[in-house]
Amino acid sequence: MNAVLDASVFVAALSPTERHHAQARRLFERLPESTPYLVPTLFRVEVIAALSRRGESVELLDLVDAMMVGPRFHAVPLDSAVLDVALKVSRAARIRAYDAVYVAVAMQAEAPLCTLDREVRIRVEATFPGVVIWTEPE
C-alpha cells in the first residue's frame, strides 16, 4: 500500500529542532522503506525551500534532494486531472492550494494522506469522509 506524504511531515522528520519531529519521524517510518511514498512533483521544491529558508547547509540540501529522486518517493505529475480535483477540494474543504493538491493526489491514488496539519484533517474528513488521513504512526 502506498501513501501520500505531506512535505511538512518530511521536513519535520528531518529536523530534530522541529516541534513535531518525533511524531513526524514515526509517521514517516510507518511505511516500510521498500514502499515509496506518493508525492506531487512540487514536493521537491517545497522541501528544499523549507530547509533552505532555515539556513541548512548546501550539503544537506544536496543530500535531501538526492533522497527525493530516489526509490523512496514516487512523484505524481500535476496534470489537469489532479488540478481539477485539487480545485474541487480547495473549494469544498476551504483549504490552501498546496494542501488541496496533496489531498487530490491521495484521492486519485485511493491512498492515505500522511499529514500533521490538524486543520486539513478536520476539514477534509468533514467534507470528504472517504479520504483516509494518517496523523499518527500505526
N, C-alpha and C. Protein backbone atom coordinates (compact mmCIF):
# COMPACT_ATOMS: atom_id res chain seq x y z
N MET A 1 0.84 -1.19 0.00
CA MET A 1 0.00 0.00 0.00
C MET A 1 0.88 1.24 0.00
N ASN A 2 0.58 2.16 -0.88
CA ASN A 2 1.25 3.45 -0.90
C ASN A 2 0.51 4.43 -0.01
N ALA A 3 1.15 5.54 0.28
CA ALA A 3 0.52 6.65 0.98
C ALA A 3 1.10 7.93 0.40
N VAL A 4 0.37 9.01 0.55
CA VAL A 4 0.83 10.33 0.09
C VAL A 4 1.46 11.04 1.29
N LEU A 5 2.64 11.58 1.09
CA LEU A 5 3.37 12.23 2.17
C LEU A 5 3.38 13.74 1.99
N ASP A 6 2.85 14.44 2.98
CA ASP A 6 2.88 15.90 3.01
C ASP A 6 4.32 16.36 3.22
N ALA A 7 4.76 17.36 2.49
CA ALA A 7 6.13 17.87 2.59
C ALA A 7 6.48 18.29 4.01
N SER A 8 5.52 18.86 4.72
CA SER A 8 5.81 19.33 6.07
C SER A 8 6.15 18.18 7.02
N VAL A 9 5.59 17.00 6.77
CA VAL A 9 5.93 15.83 7.58
C VAL A 9 7.38 15.43 7.33
N PHE A 10 7.78 15.42 6.07
CA PHE A 10 9.16 15.04 5.74
C PHE A 10 10.15 16.05 6.31
N VAL A 11 9.85 17.34 6.18
CA VAL A 11 10.73 18.37 6.72
C VAL A 11 10.85 18.21 8.24
N ALA A 12 9.75 18.01 8.92
CA ALA A 12 9.79 17.84 10.38
C ALA A 12 10.53 16.56 10.76
N ALA A 13 10.38 15.51 9.98
CA ALA A 13 11.07 14.25 10.26
C ALA A 13 12.59 14.42 10.12
N LEU A 14 13.02 15.30 9.24
CA LEU A 14 14.45 15.55 9.01
C LEU A 14 15.05 16.51 10.03
N SER A 15 14.24 17.31 10.68
CA SER A 15 14.72 18.42 11.51
C SER A 15 14.50 18.15 12.99
N PRO A 16 15.55 17.74 13.72
CA PRO A 16 15.39 17.43 15.15
C PRO A 16 14.90 18.61 15.98
N THR A 17 15.10 19.84 15.51
CA THR A 17 14.65 21.01 16.27
C THR A 17 13.18 21.33 16.03
N GLU A 18 12.59 20.65 15.09
CA GLU A 18 11.17 20.86 14.76
C GLU A 18 10.30 20.38 15.92
N ARG A 19 9.28 21.14 16.25
CA ARG A 19 8.41 20.83 17.38
C ARG A 19 7.78 19.44 17.29
N HIS A 20 7.40 19.03 16.11
CA HIS A 20 6.74 17.74 15.92
C HIS A 20 7.68 16.69 15.31
N HIS A 21 8.97 16.84 15.56
CA HIS A 21 9.96 15.95 14.95
C HIS A 21 9.69 14.48 15.23
N ALA A 22 9.52 14.12 16.48
CA ALA A 22 9.36 12.71 16.85
C ALA A 22 8.10 12.11 16.21
N GLN A 23 7.01 12.84 16.25
CA GLN A 23 5.76 12.37 15.65
C GLN A 23 5.91 12.23 14.14
N ALA A 24 6.55 13.22 13.51
CA ALA A 24 6.75 13.19 12.05
C ALA A 24 7.65 12.03 11.66
N ARG A 25 8.67 11.80 12.44
CA ARG A 25 9.60 10.70 12.15
C ARG A 25 8.87 9.35 12.22
N ARG A 26 8.08 9.16 13.26
CA ARG A 26 7.31 7.92 13.39
C ARG A 26 6.31 7.77 12.25
N LEU A 27 5.68 8.86 11.87
CA LEU A 27 4.72 8.82 10.77
C LEU A 27 5.41 8.49 9.46
N PHE A 28 6.57 9.11 9.22
CA PHE A 28 7.34 8.83 8.00
C PHE A 28 7.78 7.37 7.96
N GLU A 29 8.11 6.82 9.09
CA GLU A 29 8.59 5.44 9.14
C GLU A 29 7.45 4.42 9.16
N ARG A 30 6.23 4.89 9.04
CA ARG A 30 5.06 3.99 9.07
C ARG A 30 5.08 3.00 7.90
N LEU A 31 5.53 3.46 6.74
CA LEU A 31 5.63 2.55 5.59
C LEU A 31 7.02 1.93 5.55
N PRO A 32 7.11 0.67 5.15
CA PRO A 32 8.45 0.07 5.01
C PRO A 32 9.26 0.82 3.94
N GLU A 33 10.56 0.80 4.08
CA GLU A 33 11.42 1.52 3.14
C GLU A 33 11.24 1.06 1.71
N SER A 34 10.78 -0.15 1.51
CA SER A 34 10.60 -0.68 0.16
C SER A 34 9.34 -0.14 -0.51
N THR A 35 8.50 0.56 0.24
CA THR A 35 7.26 1.12 -0.31
C THR A 35 7.42 2.61 -0.51
N PRO A 36 7.38 3.07 -1.76
CA PRO A 36 7.57 4.51 -1.99
C PRO A 36 6.35 5.33 -1.57
N TYR A 37 6.63 6.52 -1.09
CA TYR A 37 5.57 7.49 -0.84
C TYR A 37 5.21 8.17 -2.15
N LEU A 38 3.93 8.44 -2.34
CA LEU A 38 3.47 9.23 -3.47
C LEU A 38 3.56 10.70 -3.07
N VAL A 39 4.11 11.51 -3.95
CA VAL A 39 4.24 12.94 -3.68
C VAL A 39 3.98 13.70 -4.97
N PRO A 40 3.37 14.87 -4.89
CA PRO A 40 3.23 15.67 -6.10
C PRO A 40 4.61 16.17 -6.54
N THR A 41 4.77 16.43 -7.82
CA THR A 41 6.07 16.87 -8.34
C THR A 41 6.59 18.12 -7.62
N LEU A 42 5.71 18.90 -7.06
CA LEU A 42 6.10 20.11 -6.34
C LEU A 42 6.78 19.81 -5.01
N PHE A 43 6.70 18.58 -4.54
CA PHE A 43 7.25 18.16 -3.25
C PHE A 43 8.72 18.54 -3.10
N ARG A 44 9.52 18.26 -4.12
CA ARG A 44 10.96 18.57 -4.04
C ARG A 44 11.19 20.04 -3.78
N VAL A 45 10.47 20.88 -4.50
CA VAL A 45 10.64 22.33 -4.34
C VAL A 45 10.23 22.75 -2.94
N GLU A 46 9.09 22.24 -2.47
CA GLU A 46 8.62 22.59 -1.12
C GLU A 46 9.63 22.21 -0.04
N VAL A 47 10.15 21.01 -0.11
CA VAL A 47 11.08 20.53 0.91
C VAL A 47 12.38 21.33 0.88
N ILE A 48 12.96 21.48 -0.30
CA ILE A 48 14.23 22.21 -0.40
C ILE A 48 14.04 23.67 0.01
N ALA A 49 12.94 24.28 -0.38
CA ALA A 49 12.68 25.68 0.00
C ALA A 49 12.55 25.81 1.52
N ALA A 50 11.85 24.87 2.16
CA ALA A 50 11.68 24.93 3.61
C ALA A 50 13.02 24.79 4.32
N LEU A 51 13.82 23.84 3.89
CA LEU A 51 15.13 23.63 4.51
C LEU A 51 16.08 24.79 4.22
N SER A 52 16.02 25.31 3.02
CA SER A 52 16.87 26.43 2.65
C SER A 52 16.53 27.68 3.46
N ARG A 53 15.24 27.93 3.66
CA ARG A 53 14.81 29.09 4.46
C ARG A 53 15.33 29.00 5.89
N ARG A 54 15.52 27.79 6.37
CA ARG A 54 16.03 27.59 7.73
C ARG A 54 17.55 27.74 7.81
N GLY A 55 18.18 27.92 6.66
CA GLY A 55 19.63 28.10 6.66
C GLY A 55 20.41 26.80 6.67
N GLU A 56 19.79 25.71 6.24
CA GLU A 56 20.50 24.43 6.21
C GLU A 56 21.65 24.49 5.21
N SER A 57 22.64 23.66 5.41
CA SER A 57 23.84 23.66 4.56
C SER A 57 23.55 23.17 3.15
N VAL A 58 24.37 23.58 2.22
CA VAL A 58 24.25 23.13 0.84
C VAL A 58 24.40 21.61 0.78
N GLU A 59 25.29 21.07 1.60
CA GLU A 59 25.50 19.63 1.62
C GLU A 59 24.22 18.88 2.02
N LEU A 60 23.54 19.40 3.05
CA LEU A 60 22.29 18.76 3.48
C LEU A 60 21.23 18.89 2.39
N LEU A 61 21.14 20.06 1.78
CA LEU A 61 20.16 20.26 0.71
C LEU A 61 20.41 19.27 -0.44
N ASP A 62 21.68 19.09 -0.79
CA ASP A 62 22.02 18.15 -1.87
C ASP A 62 21.68 16.72 -1.49
N LEU A 63 21.95 16.35 -0.24
CA LEU A 63 21.65 15.00 0.24
C LEU A 63 20.14 14.74 0.22
N VAL A 64 19.38 15.69 0.73
CA VAL A 64 17.93 15.54 0.76
C VAL A 64 17.36 15.50 -0.65
N ASP A 65 17.88 16.33 -1.53
CA ASP A 65 17.41 16.33 -2.92
C ASP A 65 17.68 14.97 -3.57
N ALA A 66 18.85 14.41 -3.31
CA ALA A 66 19.17 13.09 -3.86
C ALA A 66 18.21 12.03 -3.31
N MET A 67 17.86 12.14 -2.04
CA MET A 67 16.89 11.20 -1.45
C MET A 67 15.54 11.28 -2.15
N MET A 68 15.14 12.50 -2.47
CA MET A 68 13.79 12.70 -3.03
C MET A 68 13.65 12.20 -4.46
N VAL A 69 14.76 12.04 -5.17
CA VAL A 69 14.66 11.48 -6.53
C VAL A 69 14.98 9.99 -6.52
N GLY A 70 15.17 9.44 -5.32
CA GLY A 70 15.45 8.02 -5.17
C GLY A 70 14.18 7.19 -5.08
N PRO A 71 14.34 5.91 -4.77
CA PRO A 71 13.21 4.98 -4.79
C PRO A 71 12.19 5.16 -3.66
N ARG A 72 12.50 5.96 -2.65
CA ARG A 72 11.58 6.15 -1.52
C ARG A 72 10.39 7.03 -1.89
N PHE A 73 10.51 7.78 -2.99
CA PHE A 73 9.45 8.71 -3.39
C PHE A 73 9.07 8.47 -4.85
N HIS A 74 7.78 8.55 -5.11
CA HIS A 74 7.28 8.47 -6.48
C HIS A 74 6.54 9.77 -6.77
N ALA A 75 7.08 10.57 -7.67
CA ALA A 75 6.49 11.87 -7.99
C ALA A 75 5.29 11.70 -8.92
N VAL A 76 4.18 12.29 -8.52
CA VAL A 76 2.95 12.26 -9.32
C VAL A 76 2.84 13.59 -10.05
N PRO A 77 2.76 13.56 -11.38
CA PRO A 77 2.68 14.82 -12.14
C PRO A 77 1.42 15.61 -11.81
N LEU A 78 1.56 16.92 -11.81
CA LEU A 78 0.42 17.80 -11.58
C LEU A 78 -0.28 18.04 -12.92
N ASP A 79 -0.97 17.02 -13.38
CA ASP A 79 -1.69 17.13 -14.65
C ASP A 79 -3.07 17.76 -14.42
N SER A 80 -3.81 17.92 -15.49
CA SER A 80 -5.11 18.60 -15.38
C SER A 80 -6.09 17.81 -14.51
N ALA A 81 -5.99 16.49 -14.50
CA ALA A 81 -6.89 15.69 -13.66
C ALA A 81 -6.64 15.96 -12.18
N VAL A 82 -5.37 15.98 -11.77
CA VAL A 82 -5.03 16.27 -10.37
C VAL A 82 -5.45 17.69 -10.01
N LEU A 83 -5.17 18.62 -10.89
CA LEU A 83 -5.51 20.02 -10.60
C LEU A 83 -7.01 20.24 -10.54
N ASP A 84 -7.78 19.54 -11.36
CA ASP A 84 -9.24 19.66 -11.30
C ASP A 84 -9.77 19.16 -9.96
N VAL A 85 -9.24 18.04 -9.49
CA VAL A 85 -9.66 17.51 -8.19
C VAL A 85 -9.22 18.47 -7.09
N ALA A 86 -8.00 18.98 -7.18
CA ALA A 86 -7.49 19.92 -6.17
C ALA A 86 -8.37 21.17 -6.09
N LEU A 87 -8.83 21.64 -7.23
CA LEU A 87 -9.71 22.81 -7.24
C LEU A 87 -11.01 22.51 -6.50
N LYS A 88 -11.58 21.35 -6.77
CA LYS A 88 -12.82 20.95 -6.07
C LYS A 88 -12.58 20.81 -4.57
N VAL A 89 -11.45 20.22 -4.20
CA VAL A 89 -11.13 20.03 -2.79
C VAL A 89 -10.95 21.37 -2.10
N SER A 90 -10.20 22.27 -2.72
CA SER A 90 -9.94 23.58 -2.09
C SER A 90 -11.23 24.37 -1.88
N ARG A 91 -12.12 24.27 -2.84
CA ARG A 91 -13.40 24.99 -2.72
C ARG A 91 -14.29 24.38 -1.65
N ALA A 92 -14.42 23.06 -1.67
CA ALA A 92 -15.34 22.39 -0.75
C ALA A 92 -14.82 22.36 0.68
N ALA A 93 -13.52 22.05 0.85
CA ALA A 93 -12.95 21.91 2.19
C ALA A 93 -12.35 23.21 2.72
N ARG A 94 -12.26 24.21 1.84
CA ARG A 94 -11.71 25.52 2.22
C ARG A 94 -10.29 25.39 2.80
N ILE A 95 -9.42 24.72 2.02
CA ILE A 95 -8.03 24.57 2.44
C ILE A 95 -7.10 25.21 1.41
N ARG A 96 -5.85 25.40 1.81
CA ARG A 96 -4.85 26.03 0.94
C ARG A 96 -4.59 25.19 -0.31
N ALA A 97 -4.11 25.86 -1.34
CA ALA A 97 -3.87 25.21 -2.63
C ALA A 97 -2.91 24.02 -2.50
N TYR A 98 -1.78 24.23 -1.82
CA TYR A 98 -0.81 23.14 -1.68
C TYR A 98 -1.45 21.94 -0.99
N ASP A 99 -2.20 22.18 0.07
CA ASP A 99 -2.86 21.09 0.79
C ASP A 99 -3.87 20.39 -0.10
N ALA A 100 -4.59 21.14 -0.88
CA ALA A 100 -5.59 20.56 -1.79
C ALA A 100 -4.93 19.64 -2.82
N VAL A 101 -3.74 20.00 -3.25
CA VAL A 101 -3.02 19.15 -4.21
C VAL A 101 -2.68 17.80 -3.57
N TYR A 102 -2.19 17.82 -2.34
CA TYR A 102 -1.88 16.56 -1.64
C TYR A 102 -3.13 15.71 -1.46
N VAL A 103 -4.23 16.33 -1.09
CA VAL A 103 -5.49 15.60 -0.92
C VAL A 103 -5.93 15.02 -2.27
N ALA A 104 -5.79 15.79 -3.34
CA ALA A 104 -6.18 15.32 -4.67
C ALA A 104 -5.35 14.10 -5.09
N VAL A 105 -4.05 14.15 -4.83
CA VAL A 105 -3.20 13.01 -5.16
C VAL A 105 -3.65 11.78 -4.36
N ALA A 106 -3.95 11.97 -3.08
CA ALA A 106 -4.42 10.87 -2.25
C ALA A 106 -5.75 10.32 -2.77
N MET A 107 -6.66 11.20 -3.14
CA MET A 107 -7.96 10.77 -3.64
C MET A 107 -7.81 9.97 -4.93
N GLN A 108 -7.00 10.47 -5.85
CA GLN A 108 -6.85 9.78 -7.12
C GLN A 108 -6.15 8.43 -6.98
N ALA A 109 -5.22 8.35 -6.05
CA ALA A 109 -4.49 7.10 -5.83
C ALA A 109 -5.22 6.17 -4.87
N GLU A 110 -6.30 6.67 -4.26
CA GLU A 110 -7.02 5.93 -3.23
C GLU A 110 -6.03 5.47 -2.16
N ALA A 111 -5.22 6.44 -1.73
CA ALA A 111 -4.17 6.18 -0.74
C ALA A 111 -4.35 7.12 0.44
N PRO A 112 -3.90 6.72 1.63
CA PRO A 112 -3.97 7.61 2.78
C PRO A 112 -3.05 8.82 2.59
N LEU A 113 -3.39 9.90 3.25
CA LEU A 113 -2.55 11.11 3.27
C LEU A 113 -1.90 11.21 4.63
N CYS A 114 -0.58 11.31 4.65
CA CYS A 114 0.17 11.50 5.90
C CYS A 114 0.39 12.99 6.11
N THR A 115 -0.24 13.55 7.12
CA THR A 115 -0.08 14.97 7.42
C THR A 115 -0.20 15.19 8.92
N LEU A 116 0.43 16.24 9.39
CA LEU A 116 0.29 16.64 10.78
C LEU A 116 -0.59 17.89 10.91
N ASP A 117 -1.13 18.32 9.79
CA ASP A 117 -1.93 19.54 9.75
C ASP A 117 -3.34 19.24 10.24
N ARG A 118 -3.62 19.68 11.45
CA ARG A 118 -4.92 19.41 12.09
C ARG A 118 -6.08 20.02 11.31
N GLU A 119 -5.90 21.24 10.83
CA GLU A 119 -6.96 21.91 10.07
C GLU A 119 -7.31 21.13 8.81
N VAL A 120 -6.31 20.66 8.09
CA VAL A 120 -6.55 19.87 6.89
C VAL A 120 -7.32 18.61 7.26
N ARG A 121 -6.86 17.92 8.30
CA ARG A 121 -7.53 16.69 8.70
C ARG A 121 -8.99 16.94 9.01
N ILE A 122 -9.28 17.94 9.82
CA ILE A 122 -10.66 18.22 10.24
C ILE A 122 -11.53 18.59 9.04
N ARG A 123 -11.04 19.49 8.22
CA ARG A 123 -11.85 19.97 7.07
C ARG A 123 -12.05 18.90 6.01
N VAL A 124 -11.00 18.14 5.73
CA VAL A 124 -11.13 17.11 4.69
C VAL A 124 -12.00 15.96 5.18
N GLU A 125 -11.80 15.52 6.42
CA GLU A 125 -12.64 14.44 6.93
C GLU A 125 -14.11 14.83 6.97
N ALA A 126 -14.40 16.11 7.24
CA ALA A 126 -15.79 16.57 7.29
C ALA A 126 -16.40 16.67 5.89
N THR A 127 -15.58 16.98 4.90
CA THR A 127 -16.08 17.21 3.54
C THR A 127 -15.97 15.99 2.65
N PHE A 128 -14.91 15.23 2.82
CA PHE A 128 -14.64 14.04 2.00
C PHE A 128 -14.37 12.86 2.93
N PRO A 129 -15.41 12.29 3.53
CA PRO A 129 -15.21 11.24 4.53
C PRO A 129 -14.51 9.99 4.02
N GLY A 130 -14.44 9.80 2.72
CA GLY A 130 -13.75 8.63 2.18
C GLY A 130 -12.23 8.76 2.16
N VAL A 131 -11.73 9.96 2.38
CA VAL A 131 -10.28 10.17 2.37
C VAL A 131 -9.72 9.74 3.73
N VAL A 132 -8.72 8.88 3.68
CA VAL A 132 -8.07 8.40 4.91
C VAL A 132 -6.88 9.29 5.20
N ILE A 133 -6.81 9.80 6.42
CA ILE A 133 -5.71 10.67 6.81
C ILE A 133 -4.99 10.05 7.99
N TRP A 134 -3.68 9.87 7.82
CA TRP A 134 -2.83 9.36 8.88
C TRP A 134 -2.16 10.54 9.55
N THR A 135 -2.34 10.68 10.85
CA THR A 135 -1.65 11.71 11.61
C THR A 135 -0.76 11.12 12.70
N GLU A 136 -0.92 9.82 12.90
CA GLU A 136 -0.14 9.13 13.93
C GLU A 136 0.41 7.84 13.33
N PRO A 137 1.56 7.40 13.85
CA PRO A 137 2.04 6.09 13.40
C PRO A 137 1.10 4.99 13.87
N GLU A 138 1.11 3.90 13.16
CA GLU A 138 0.21 2.78 13.49
C GLU A 138 0.73 2.02 14.68
